[in-house]
Structures are given as C-alpha cells and as structure tokens.
Amino acid sequence: MTMQVTAHGIEAEMAEADWAADDAPDAIRARRNILFGYWAGERMGLSGAALTRYARQMHLADYIVKGDQDLIVKIQQDFQALNLMISQDDAVRLLRSLHQQALRESGCTD
C-alpha cells in the first residue's frame, strides 16, 4: 500500500479553507484528512472535481465522532460499496503516515 499522496489540488483546497488556519493544529488534521480522502478517492476511481469533493467530504466526516473511527468507518463503507477493502489496521497506519506527511508539508516538526 503506497502511503505518499501527491499534492493534486490540496494546496488550493487548503488555501481556500476558512476552517483551518495555516498555523492552527487543526490545519494539520485537516490536511491529513484531505490527503486521506485523495488517497481513497483515487483508489475508488475518482478524478478531477469528484476527487476533490470526496477529499473534502472525508475531512468533514471527521467531525461525526471524536477520534478517527468516523474516517475509518467511512472509508470501509465506501470501499465495500465498490468491492474494495481496507482493514482497520491499514487505515490507522495510513492515517498516521499521512499525519506525518501533513506535518512535513506544513513545515511543522510535530
């Protein structure tokens, strides 16, 4: 499973996002969630505006319950609908990896 997510439209997405200021801790989580959405959406065959919409939906799904379980449930349900699969362990590892990527891309150290 490739963990690195390419930039796609994330810079534009983050720049226009009024819900996560660049220096706020929430900006790292928002970036991670959007990267997670891009990663999942690509595997689901999405591209262009549909991929960007899905990435944003993934970020918004993170506000359903505290923690990451809402994101894991969403990706598993979305994948299952397309006969794809991701285990909970793989989803957690991916989220951790993308969190580190979000930190690097934002210039934060932790």
PDB file of N, CA and C in Angstrom:
ATOM      1  N   MET A   1       0.854  -1.179   0.000  1.00  0.00           N
ATOM      2  CA  MET A   1       0.000   0.000   0.000  1.00  0.00           C
ATOM      3  C   MET A   1       0.895   1.235   0.000  1.00  0.00           C
ATOM      4  N   THR A   2       0.788   2.076  -1.009  1.00  0.00           N
ATOM      5  CA  THR A   2       1.566   3.299  -1.096  1.00  0.00           C
ATOM      6  C   THR A   2       0.975   4.344  -0.162  1.00  0.00           C
ATOM      7  N   MET A   3       1.805   4.908   0.675  1.00  0.00           N
ATOM      8  CA  MET A   3       1.320   5.870   1.664  1.00  0.00           C
ATOM      9  C   MET A   3       1.404   7.308   1.182  1.00  0.00           C
ATOM     10  N   GLN A   4       2.398   7.634   0.366  1.00  0.00           N
ATOM     11  CA  GLN A   4       2.584   9.013  -0.073  1.00  0.00           C
ATOM     12  C   GLN A   4       1.443   9.442  -0.983  1.00  0.00           C
ATOM     13  N   VAL A   5       0.892  10.585  -0.716  1.00  0.00           N
ATOM     14  CA  VAL A   5      -0.172  11.143  -1.547  1.00  0.00           C
ATOM     15  C   VAL A   5       0.390  12.373  -2.231  1.00  0.00           C
ATOM     16  N   THR A   6       0.201  12.460  -3.526  1.00  0.00           N
ATOM     17  CA  THR A   6       0.697  13.620  -4.257  1.00  0.00           C
ATOM     18  C   THR A   6      -0.199  14.819  -4.004  1.00  0.00           C
ATOM     19  N   ALA A   7       0.290  15.976  -4.341  1.00  0.00           N
ATOM     20  CA  ALA A   7      -0.372  17.234  -3.985  1.00  0.00           C
ATOM     21  C   ALA A   7      -1.743  17.421  -4.613  1.00  0.00           C
ATOM     22  N   HIS A   8      -1.964  16.960  -5.848  1.00  0.00           N
ATOM     23  CA  HIS A   8      -3.250  17.173  -6.533  1.00  0.00           C
ATOM     24  C   HIS A   8      -3.682  18.614  -6.340  1.00  0.00           C
ATOM     25  N   GLY A   9      -4.877  18.790  -5.842  1.00  0.00           N
ATOM     26  CA  GLY A   9      -5.400  20.121  -5.601  1.00  0.00           C
ATOM     27  C   GLY A   9      -5.365  20.494  -4.142  1.00  0.00           C
ATOM     28  N   ILE A  10      -4.556  19.796  -3.361  1.00  0.00           N
ATOM     29  CA  ILE A  10      -4.597  20.040  -1.918  1.00  0.00           C
ATOM     30  C   ILE A  10      -4.137  21.439  -1.550  1.00  0.00           C
ATOM     31  N   GLU A  11      -3.157  21.981  -2.246  1.00  0.00           N
ATOM     32  CA  GLU A  11      -2.700  23.331  -1.909  1.00  0.00           C
ATOM     33  C   GLU A  11      -3.830  24.334  -2.112  1.00  0.00           C
ATOM     34  N   ALA A  12      -4.538  24.218  -3.217  1.00  0.00           N
ATOM     35  CA  ALA A  12      -5.675  25.114  -3.462  1.00  0.00           C
ATOM     36  C   ALA A  12      -6.775  24.854  -2.448  1.00  0.00           C
ATOM     37  N   GLU A  13      -7.018  23.597  -2.145  1.00  0.00           N
ATOM     38  CA  GLU A  13      -8.048  23.228  -1.168  1.00  0.00           C
ATOM     39  C   GLU A  13      -7.737  23.839   0.192  1.00  0.00           C
ATOM     40  N   MET A  14      -6.494  23.708   0.630  1.00  0.00           N
ATOM     41  CA  MET A  14      -6.113  24.223   1.941  1.00  0.00           C
ATOM     42  C   MET A  14      -6.084  25.748   1.937  1.00  0.00           C
ATOM     43  N   ALA A  15      -5.702  26.350   0.821  1.00  0.00           N
ATOM     44  CA  ALA A  15      -5.621  27.808   0.747  1.00  0.00           C
ATOM     45  C   ALA A  15      -6.995  28.454   0.871  1.00  0.00           C
ATOM     46  N   GLU A  16      -8.006  27.817   0.296  1.00  0.00           N
ATOM     47  CA  GLU A  16      -9.338  28.422   0.359  1.00  0.00           C
ATOM     48  C   GLU A  16     -10.127  27.976   1.583  1.00  0.00           C
ATOM     49  N   ALA A  17      -9.530  27.121   2.388  1.00  0.00           N
ATOM     50  CA  ALA A  17     -10.240  26.595   3.550  1.00  0.00           C
ATOM     51  C   ALA A  17     -10.242  27.614   4.674  1.00  0.00           C
ATOM     52  N   ASP A  18     -11.406  28.072   5.044  1.00  0.00           N
ATOM     53  CA  ASP A  18     -11.511  29.008   6.158  1.00  0.00           C
ATOM     54  C   ASP A  18     -11.680  28.261   7.476  1.00  0.00           C
ATOM     55  N   TRP A  19     -11.754  26.955   7.409  1.00  0.00           N
ATOM     56  CA  TRP A  19     -11.964  26.149   8.603  1.00  0.00           C
ATOM     57  C   TRP A  19     -10.656  25.686   9.220  1.00  0.00           C
ATOM     58  N   ALA A  20      -9.533  26.036   8.655  1.00  0.00           N
ATOM     59  CA  ALA A  20      -8.256  25.607   9.223  1.00  0.00           C
ATOM     60  C   ALA A  20      -7.161  26.604   8.867  1.00  0.00           C
ATOM     61  N   ALA A  21      -6.877  27.507   9.798  1.00  0.00           N
ATOM     62  CA  ALA A  21      -5.794  28.470   9.584  1.00  0.00           C
ATOM     63  C   ALA A  21      -4.471  27.716   9.489  1.00  0.00           C
ATOM     64  N   ASP A  22      -3.545  28.234   8.689  1.00  0.00           N
ATOM     65  CA  ASP A  22      -2.282  27.539   8.439  1.00  0.00           C
ATOM     66  C   ASP A  22      -1.501  27.194   9.696  1.00  0.00           C
ATOM     67  N   ASP A  23      -1.551  28.038  10.722  1.00  0.00           N
ATOM     68  CA  ASP A  23      -0.745  27.787  11.904  1.00  0.00           C
ATOM     69  C   ASP A  23      -1.514  27.061  12.997  1.00  0.00           C
ATOM     70  N   ALA A  24      -2.761  26.733  12.764  1.00  0.00           N
ATOM     71  CA  ALA A  24      -3.572  26.063  13.770  1.00  0.00           C
ATOM     72  C   ALA A  24      -3.308  24.559  13.754  1.00  0.00           C
ATOM     73  N   PRO A  25      -3.321  23.939  14.941  1.00  0.00           N
ATOM     74  CA  PRO A  25      -3.176  22.478  14.980  1.00  0.00           C
ATOM     75  C   PRO A  25      -4.231  21.768  14.129  1.00  0.00           C
ATOM     76  N   ASP A  26      -5.400  22.361  14.015  1.00  0.00           N
ATOM     77  CA  ASP A  26      -6.451  21.766  13.197  1.00  0.00           C
ATOM     78  C   ASP A  26      -6.074  21.732  11.724  1.00  0.00           C
ATOM     79  N   ALA A  27      -5.179  22.618  11.296  1.00  0.00           N
ATOM     80  CA  ALA A  27      -4.767  22.632   9.897  1.00  0.00           C
ATOM     81  C   ALA A  27      -4.026  21.348   9.533  1.00  0.00           C
ATOM     82  N   ILE A  28      -3.249  20.813  10.459  1.00  0.00           N
ATOM     83  CA  ILE A  28      -2.529  19.566  10.209  1.00  0.00           C
ATOM     84  C   ILE A  28      -3.521  18.426  10.063  1.00  0.00           C
ATOM     85  N   ARG A  29      -4.487  18.372  10.959  1.00  0.00           N
ATOM     86  CA  ARG A  29      -5.506  17.324  10.894  1.00  0.00           C
ATOM     87  C   ARG A  29      -6.341  17.464   9.622  1.00  0.00           C
ATOM     88  N   ALA A  30      -6.687  18.687   9.264  1.00  0.00           N
ATOM     89  CA  ALA A  30      -7.461  18.920   8.045  1.00  0.00           C
ATOM     90  C   ALA A  30      -6.670  18.457   6.826  1.00  0.00           C
ATOM     91  N   ARG A  31      -5.394  18.805   6.771  1.00  0.00           N
ATOM     92  CA  ARG A  31      -4.541  18.391   5.655  1.00  0.00           C
ATOM     93  C   ARG A  31      -4.460  16.871   5.605  1.00  0.00           C
ATOM     94  N   ARG A  32      -4.255  16.242   6.745  1.00  0.00           N
ATOM     95  CA  ARG A  32      -4.193  14.773   6.803  1.00  0.00           C
ATOM     96  C   ARG A  32      -5.488  14.155   6.286  1.00  0.00           C
ATOM     97  N   ASN A  33      -6.626  14.691   6.727  1.00  0.00           N
ATOM     98  CA  ASN A  33      -7.916  14.150   6.307  1.00  0.00           C
ATOM     99  C   ASN A  33      -8.126  14.293   4.805  1.00  0.00           C
ATOM    100  N   ILE A  34      -7.726  15.427   4.266  1.00  0.00           N
ATOM    101  CA  ILE A  34      -7.891  15.650   2.832  1.00  0.00           C
ATOM    102  C   ILE A  34      -6.949  14.738   2.051  1.00  0.00           C
ATOM    103  N   LEU A  35      -5.724  14.555   2.533  1.00  0.00           N
ATOM    104  CA  LEU A  35      -4.813  13.597   1.902  1.00  0.00           C
ATOM    105  C   LEU A  35      -5.417  12.193   1.933  1.00  0.00           C
ATOM    106  N   PHE A  36      -6.025  11.836   3.042  1.00  0.00           N
ATOM    107  CA  PHE A  36      -6.680  10.535   3.194  1.00  0.00           C
ATOM    108  C   PHE A  36      -7.807  10.406   2.170  1.00  0.00           C
ATOM    109  N   GLY A  37      -8.571  11.472   2.001  1.00  0.00           N
ATOM    110  CA  GLY A  37      -9.651  11.474   1.024  1.00  0.00           C
ATOM    111  C   GLY A  37      -9.144  11.349  -0.402  1.00  0.00           C
ATOM    112  N   TYR A  38      -8.041  12.046  -0.723  1.00  0.00           N
ATOM    113  CA  TYR A  38      -7.446  11.917  -2.058  1.00  0.00           C
ATOM    114  C   TYR A  38      -6.944  10.492  -2.285  1.00  0.00           C
ATOM    115  N   TRP A  39      -6.290   9.926  -1.301  1.00  0.00           N
ATOM    116  CA  TRP A  39      -5.773   8.569  -1.420  1.00  0.00           C
ATOM    117  C   TRP A  39      -6.925   7.596  -1.682  1.00  0.00           C
ATOM    118  N   ALA A  40      -7.963   7.679  -0.860  1.00  0.00           N
ATOM    119  CA  ALA A  40      -9.106   6.771  -1.001  1.00  0.00           C
ATOM    120  C   ALA A  40      -9.839   7.010  -2.314  1.00  0.00           C
ATOM    121  N   GLY A  41     -10.070   8.273  -2.643  1.00  0.00           N
ATOM    122  CA  GLY A  41     -10.795   8.602  -3.857  1.00  0.00           C
ATOM    123  C   GLY A  41     -10.103   8.105  -5.111  1.00  0.00           C
ATOM    124  N   GLU A  42      -8.783   8.198  -5.144  1.00  0.00           N
ATOM    125  CA  GLU A  42      -8.035   7.683  -6.295  1.00  0.00           C
ATOM    126  C   GLU A  42      -8.255   6.187  -6.464  1.00  0.00           C
ATOM    127  N   ARG A  43      -8.246   5.468  -5.364  1.00  0.00           N
ATOM    128  CA  ARG A  43      -8.450   4.027  -5.420  1.00  0.00           C
ATOM    129  C   ARG A  43      -9.877   3.669  -5.819  1.00  0.00           C
ATOM    130  N   MET A  44     -10.783   4.598  -5.586  1.00  0.00           N
ATOM    131  CA  MET A  44     -12.180   4.399  -5.958  1.00  0.00           C
ATOM    132  C   MET A  44     -12.440   4.820  -7.397  1.00  0.00           C
ATOM    133  N   GLY A  45     -11.409   5.297  -8.076  1.00  0.00           N
ATOM    134  CA  GLY A  45     -11.535   5.675  -9.475  1.00  0.00           C
ATOM    135  C   GLY A  45     -12.005   7.104  -9.704  1.00  0.00           C
ATOM    136  N   LEU A  46     -11.978   7.928  -8.665  1.00  0.00           N
ATOM    137  CA  LEU A  46     -12.407   9.321  -8.807  1.00  0.00           C
ATOM    138  C   LEU A  46     -11.271  10.165  -9.377  1.00  0.00           C
ATOM    139  N   SER A  47     -11.648  11.241 -10.042  1.00  0.00           N
ATOM    140  CA  SER A  47     -10.661  12.183 -10.544  1.00  0.00           C
ATOM    141  C   SER A  47     -11.299  13.558 -10.637  1.00  0.00           C
ATOM    142  N   GLY A  48     -10.461  14.565 -10.851  1.00  0.00           N
ATOM    143  CA  GLY A  48     -10.943  15.927 -11.042  1.00  0.00           C
ATOM    144  C   GLY A  48     -11.789  16.438  -9.883  1.00  0.00           C
ATOM    145  N   ALA A  49     -12.876  17.106 -10.228  1.00  0.00           N
ATOM    146  CA  ALA A  49     -13.752  17.721  -9.222  1.00  0.00           C
ATOM    147  C   ALA A  49     -14.361  16.686  -8.289  1.00  0.00           C
ATOM    148  N   ALA A  50     -14.665  15.503  -8.804  1.00  0.00           N
ATOM    149  CA  ALA A  50     -15.250  14.451  -7.956  1.00  0.00           C
ATOM    150  C   ALA A  50     -14.254  14.014  -6.888  1.00  0.00           C
ATOM    151  N   LEU A  51     -12.981  13.930  -7.250  1.00  0.00           N
ATOM    152  CA  LEU A  51     -11.941  13.558  -6.293  1.00  0.00           C
ATOM    153  C   LEU A  51     -11.784  14.642  -5.231  1.00  0.00           C
ATOM    154  N   THR A  52     -11.767  15.883  -5.637  1.00  0.00           N
ATOM    155  CA  THR A  52     -11.651  16.993  -4.685  1.00  0.00           C
ATOM    156  C   THR A  52     -12.847  17.021  -3.742  1.00  0.00           C
ATOM    157  N   ARG A  53     -14.049  16.821  -4.285  1.00  0.00           N
ATOM    158  CA  ARG A  53     -15.261  16.777  -3.452  1.00  0.00           C
ATOM    159  C   ARG A  53     -15.181  15.653  -2.427  1.00  0.00           C
ATOM    160  N   TYR A  54     -14.735  14.495  -2.875  1.00  0.00           N
ATOM    161  CA  TYR A  54     -14.630  13.359  -1.962  1.00  0.00           C
ATOM    162  C   TYR A  54     -13.615  13.639  -0.855  1.00  0.00           C
ATOM    163  N   ALA A  55     -12.487  14.237  -1.204  1.00  0.00           N
ATOM    164  CA  ALA A  55     -11.462  14.567  -0.201  1.00  0.00           C
ATOM    165  C   ALA A  55     -12.031  15.510   0.850  1.00  0.00           C
ATOM    166  N   ARG A  56     -12.802  16.491   0.413  1.00  0.00           N
ATOM    167  CA  ARG A  56     -13.423  17.427   1.358  1.00  0.00           C
ATOM    168  C   ARG A  56     -14.456  16.708   2.224  1.00  0.00           C
ATOM    169  N   GLN A  57     -15.233  15.815   1.624  1.00  0.00           N
ATOM    170  CA  GLN A  57     -16.218  15.041   2.388  1.00  0.00           C
ATOM    171  C   GLN A  57     -15.531  14.193   3.454  1.00  0.00           C
ATOM    172  N   MET A  58     -14.376  13.656   3.117  1.00  0.00           N
ATOM    173  CA  MET A  58     -13.635  12.855   4.093  1.00  0.00           C
ATOM    174  C   MET A  58     -13.237  13.721   5.280  1.00  0.00           C
ATOM    175  N   HIS A  59     -12.771  14.930   5.006  1.00  0.00           N
ATOM    176  CA  HIS A  59     -12.420  15.823   6.111  1.00  0.00           C
ATOM    177  C   HIS A  59     -13.644  16.116   6.976  1.00  0.00           C
ATOM    178  N   LEU A  60     -14.757  16.427   6.356  1.00  0.00           N
ATOM    179  CA  LEU A  60     -15.968  16.750   7.112  1.00  0.00           C
ATOM    180  C   LEU A  60     -16.472  15.556   7.911  1.00  0.00           C
ATOM    181  N   ALA A  61     -16.226  14.354   7.434  1.00  0.00           N
ATOM    182  CA  ALA A  61     -16.651  13.149   8.148  1.00  0.00           C
ATOM    183  C   ALA A  61     -15.927  13.010   9.481  1.00  0.00           C
ATOM    184  N   ASP A  62     -14.796  13.669   9.626  1.00  0.00           N
ATOM    185  CA  ASP A  62     -14.012  13.562  10.858  1.00  0.00           C
ATOM    186  C   ASP A  62     -14.699  14.230  12.042  1.00  0.00           C
ATOM    187  N   TYR A  63     -15.764  14.961  11.812  1.00  0.00           N
ATOM    188  CA  TYR A  63     -16.448  15.660  12.900  1.00  0.00           C
ATOM    189  C   TYR A  63     -17.662  14.903  13.411  1.00  0.00           C
ATOM    190  N   ILE A  64     -17.861  13.664  12.969  1.00  0.00           N
ATOM    191  CA  ILE A  64     -19.014  12.885  13.410  1.00  0.00           C
ATOM    192  C   ILE A  64     -18.815  12.406  14.841  1.00  0.00           C
ATOM    193  N   VAL A  65     -17.676  11.799  15.123  1.00  0.00           N
ATOM    194  CA  VAL A  65     -17.340  11.368  16.488  1.00  0.00           C
ATOM    195  C   VAL A  65     -15.895  11.756  16.776  1.00  0.00           C
ATOM    196  N   LYS A  66     -15.562  11.844  18.038  1.00  0.00           N
ATOM    197  CA  LYS A  66     -14.192  12.178  18.430  1.00  0.00           C
ATOM    198  C   LYS A  66     -13.263  11.029  18.042  1.00  0.00           C
ATOM    199  N   GLY A  67     -12.096  11.374  17.549  1.00  0.00           N
ATOM    200  CA  GLY A  67     -11.135  10.364  17.130  1.00  0.00           C
ATOM    201  C   GLY A  67     -11.236  10.095  15.640  1.00  0.00           C
ATOM    202  N   ASP A  68     -10.629   9.002  15.222  1.00  0.00           N
ATOM    203  CA  ASP A  68     -10.547   8.686  13.801  1.00  0.00           C
ATOM    204  C   ASP A  68     -11.527   7.610  13.346  1.00  0.00           C
ATOM    205  N   GLN A  69     -12.293   7.057  14.247  1.00  0.00           N
ATOM    206  CA  GLN A  69     -13.172   5.953  13.884  1.00  0.00           C
ATOM    207  C   GLN A  69     -14.170   6.340  12.798  1.00  0.00           C
ATOM    208  N   ASP A  70     -14.631   7.584  12.802  1.00  0.00           N
ATOM    209  CA  ASP A  70     -15.583   8.023  11.776  1.00  0.00           C
ATOM    210  C   ASP A  70     -14.961   7.972  10.386  1.00  0.00           C
ATOM    211  N   LEU A  71     -13.676   8.333  10.280  1.00  0.00           N
ATOM    212  CA  LEU A  71     -12.982   8.259   8.997  1.00  0.00           C
ATOM    213  C   LEU A  71     -12.794   6.810   8.554  1.00  0.00           C
ATOM    214  N   ILE A  72     -12.466   5.964   9.501  1.00  0.00           N
ATOM    215  CA  ILE A  72     -12.245   4.550   9.194  1.00  0.00           C
ATOM    216  C   ILE A  72     -13.547   3.899   8.733  1.00  0.00           C
ATOM    217  N   VAL A  73     -14.631   4.193   9.422  1.00  0.00           N
ATOM    218  CA  VAL A  73     -15.935   3.640   9.023  1.00  0.00           C
ATOM    219  C   VAL A  73     -16.305   4.139   7.627  1.00  0.00           C
ATOM    220  N   LYS A  74     -16.102   5.434   7.363  1.00  0.00           N
ATOM    221  CA  LYS A  74     -16.450   5.986   6.054  1.00  0.00           C
ATOM    222  C   LYS A  74     -15.662   5.307   4.941  1.00  0.00           C
ATOM    223  N   ILE A  75     -14.350   5.195   5.098  1.00  0.00           N
ATOM    224  CA  ILE A  75     -13.560   4.594   4.029  1.00  0.00           C
ATOM    225  C   ILE A  75     -13.929   3.127   3.842  1.00  0.00           C
ATOM    226  N   GLN A  76     -14.165   2.408   4.930  1.00  0.00           N
ATOM    227  CA  GLN A  76     -14.524   0.999   4.795  1.00  0.00           C
ATOM    228  C   GLN A  76     -15.874   0.837   4.094  1.00  0.00           C
ATOM    229  N   GLN A  77     -16.841   1.675   4.428  1.00  0.00           N
ATOM    230  CA  GLN A  77     -18.152   1.600   3.770  1.00  0.00           C
ATOM    231  C   GLN A  77     -18.040   1.983   2.293  1.00  0.00           C
ATOM    232  N   ASP A  78     -17.314   3.045   2.019  1.00  0.00           N
ATOM    233  CA  ASP A  78     -17.166   3.494   0.635  1.00  0.00           C
ATOM    234  C   ASP A  78     -16.426   2.445  -0.204  1.00  0.00           C
ATOM    235  N   PHE A  79     -15.391   1.871   0.361  1.00  0.00           N
ATOM    236  CA  PHE A  79     -14.645   0.829  -0.346  1.00  0.00           C
ATOM    237  C   PHE A  79     -15.519  -0.408  -0.559  1.00  0.00           C
ATOM    238  N   GLN A  80     -16.236  -0.805   0.474  1.00  0.00           N
ATOM    239  CA  GLN A  80     -17.077  -2.006   0.380  1.00  0.00           C
ATOM    240  C   GLN A  80     -18.116  -1.861  -0.735  1.00  0.00           C
ATOM    241  N   ALA A  81     -18.655  -0.652  -0.896  1.00  0.00           N
ATOM    242  CA  ALA A  81     -19.646  -0.406  -1.942  1.00  0.00           C
ATOM    243  C   ALA A  81     -19.069  -0.651  -3.331  1.00  0.00           C
ATOM    244  N   LEU A  82     -17.747  -0.576  -3.455  1.00  0.00           N
ATOM    245  CA  LEU A  82     -17.067  -0.786  -4.749  1.00  0.00           C
ATOM    246  C   LEU A  82     -16.267  -2.093  -4.770  1.00  0.00           C
ATOM    247  N   ASN A  83     -16.549  -2.964  -3.811  1.00  0.00           N
ATOM    248  CA  ASN A  83     -15.837  -4.243  -3.687  1.00  0.00           C
ATOM    249  C   ASN A  83     -14.336  -4.055  -3.487  1.00  0.00           C
ATOM    250  N   LEU A  84     -13.965  -2.991  -2.803  1.00  0.00           N
ATOM    251  CA  LEU A  84     -12.591  -2.760  -2.390  1.00  0.00           C
ATOM    252  C   LEU A  84     -12.509  -3.054  -0.902  1.00  0.00           C
ATOM    253  N   MET A  85     -11.295  -3.131  -0.381  1.00  0.00           N
ATOM    254  CA  MET A  85     -11.165  -3.445   1.039  1.00  0.00           C
ATOM    255  C   MET A  85      -9.975  -2.724   1.639  1.00  0.00           C
ATOM    256  N   ILE A  86     -10.158  -2.262   2.856  1.00  0.00           N
ATOM    257  CA  ILE A  86      -9.054  -1.744   3.663  1.00  0.00           C
ATOM    258  C   ILE A  86      -9.355  -2.160   5.101  1.00  0.00           C
ATOM    259  N   SER A  87      -8.388  -2.758   5.749  1.00  0.00           N
ATOM    260  CA  SER A  87      -8.588  -3.176   7.131  1.00  0.00           C
ATOM    261  C   SER A  87      -8.496  -1.962   8.050  1.00  0.00           C
ATOM    262  N   GLN A  88      -9.003  -2.119   9.248  1.00  0.00           N
ATOM    263  CA  GLN A  88      -8.900  -1.040  10.226  1.00  0.00           C
ATOM    264  C   GLN A  88      -7.440  -0.743  10.519  1.00  0.00           C
ATOM    265  N   ASP A  89      -6.620  -1.783  10.652  1.00  0.00           N
ATOM    266  CA  ASP A  89      -5.194  -1.584  10.931  1.00  0.00           C
ATOM    267  C   ASP A  89      -4.512  -0.814   9.804  1.00  0.00           C
ATOM    268  N   ASP A  90      -4.823  -1.169   8.558  1.00  0.00           N
ATOM    269  CA  ASP A  90      -4.227  -0.457   7.423  1.00  0.00           C
ATOM    270  C   ASP A  90      -4.685   0.995   7.380  1.00  0.00           C
ATOM    271  N   ALA A  91      -5.946   1.235   7.689  1.00  0.00           N
ATOM    272  CA  ALA A  91      -6.468   2.606   7.699  1.00  0.00           C
ATOM    273  C   ALA A  91      -5.781   3.434   8.779  1.00  0.00           C
ATOM    274  N   VAL A  92      -5.584   2.841   9.953  1.00  0.00           N
ATOM    275  CA  VAL A  92      -4.900   3.549  11.046  1.00  0.00           C
ATOM    276  C   VAL A  92      -3.457   3.857  10.650  1.00  0.00           C
ATOM    277  N   ARG A  93      -2.756   2.878  10.067  1.00  0.00           N
ATOM    278  CA  ARG A  93      -1.373   3.105   9.622  1.00  0.00           C
ATOM    279  C   ARG A  93      -1.319   4.207   8.567  1.00  0.00           C
ATOM    280  N   LEU A  94      -2.264   4.182   7.642  1.00  0.00           N
ATOM    281  CA  LEU A  94      -2.307   5.202   6.606  1.00  0.00           C
ATOM    282  C   LEU A  94      -2.545   6.584   7.205  1.00  0.00           C
ATOM    283  N   LEU A  95      -3.480   6.681   8.138  1.00  0.00           N
ATOM    284  CA  LEU A  95      -3.740   7.976   8.787  1.00  0.00           C
ATOM    285  C   LEU A  95      -2.492   8.491   9.502  1.00  0.00           C
ATOM    286  N   ARG A  96      -1.775   7.609  10.174  1.00  0.00           N
ATOM    287  CA  ARG A  96      -0.537   8.021  10.863  1.00  0.00           C
ATOM    288  C   ARG A  96       0.506   8.513   9.864  1.00  0.00           C
ATOM    289  N   SER A  97       0.662   7.778   8.776  1.00  0.00           N
ATOM    290  CA  SER A  97       1.627   8.160   7.759  1.00  0.00           C
ATOM    291  C   SER A  97       1.251   9.502   7.131  1.00  0.00           C
ATOM    292  N   LEU A  98      -0.023   9.684   6.843  1.00  0.00           N
ATOM    293  CA  LEU A  98      -0.470  10.938   6.240  1.00  0.00           C
ATOM    294  C   LEU A  98      -0.389  12.102   7.226  1.00  0.00           C
ATOM    295  N   HIS A  99      -0.511  11.816   8.508  1.00  0.00           N
ATOM    296  CA  HIS A  99      -0.320  12.868   9.515  1.00  0.00           C
ATOM    297  C   HIS A  99       1.127  13.357   9.464  1.00  0.00           C
ATOM    298  N   GLN A 100       2.063  12.419   9.364  1.00  0.00           N
ATOM    299  CA  GLN A 100       3.477  12.793   9.254  1.00  0.00           C
ATOM    300  C   GLN A 100       3.721  13.576   7.970  1.00  0.00           C
ATOM    301  N   GLN A 101       3.105  13.159   6.871  1.00  0.00           N
ATOM    302  CA  GLN A 101       3.239  13.878   5.608  1.00  0.00           C
ATOM    303  C   GLN A 101       2.689  15.293   5.742  1.00  0.00           C
ATOM    304  N   ALA A 102       1.541  15.430   6.396  1.00  0.00           N
ATOM    305  CA  ALA A 102       0.933  16.754   6.585  1.00  0.00           C
ATOM    306  C   ALA A 102       1.849  17.651   7.415  1.00  0.00           C
ATOM    307  N   LEU A 103       2.471  17.079   8.432  1.00  0.00           N
ATOM    308  CA  LEU A 103       3.415  17.857   9.244  1.00  0.00           C
ATOM    309  C   LEU A 103       4.588  18.334   8.389  1.00  0.00           C
ATOM    310  N   ARG A 104       5.161  17.431   7.607  1.00  0.00           N
ATOM    311  CA  ARG A 104       6.301  17.812   6.742  1.00  0.00           C
ATOM    312  C   ARG A 104       5.904  18.908   5.761  1.00  0.00           C
ATOM    313  N   GLU A 105       4.759  18.736   5.118  1.00  0.00           N
ATOM    314  CA  GLU A 105       4.335  19.698   4.102  1.00  0.00           C
ATOM    315  C   GLU A 105       4.008  21.071   4.678  1.00  0.00           C
ATOM    316  N   SER A 106       3.612  21.091   5.939  1.00  0.00           N
ATOM    317  CA  SER A 106       3.264  22.369   6.556  1.00  0.00           C
ATOM    318  C   SER A 106       4.476  23.031   7.212  1.00  0.00           C
ATOM    319  N   GLY A 107       5.581  22.298   7.284  1.00  0.00           N
ATOM    320  CA  GLY A 107       6.783  22.855   7.908  1.00  0.00           C
ATOM    321  C   GLY A 107       6.816  22.671   9.402  1.00  0.00           C
ATOM    322  N   CYS A 108       5.842  21.972   9.967  1.00  0.00           N
ATOM    323  CA  CYS A 108       5.828  21.709  11.407  1.00  0.00           C
ATOM    324  C   CYS A 108       6.745  20.539  11.718  1.00  0.00           C
ATOM    325  N   THR A 109       7.197  20.478  12.961  1.00  0.00           N
ATOM    326  CA  THR A 109       8.054  19.373  13.367  1.00  0.00           C
ATOM    327  C   THR A 109       7.283  18.328  14.141  1.00  0.00           C
ATOM    328  N   ASP A 110       6.163  18.662  14.738  1.00  0.00           N
ATOM    329  CA  ASP A 110       5.340  17.669  15.440  1.00  0.00           C
ATOM    330  C   ASP A 110       4.108  18.274  16.022  1.00  0.00           C
TER     331      ASP A 110
END
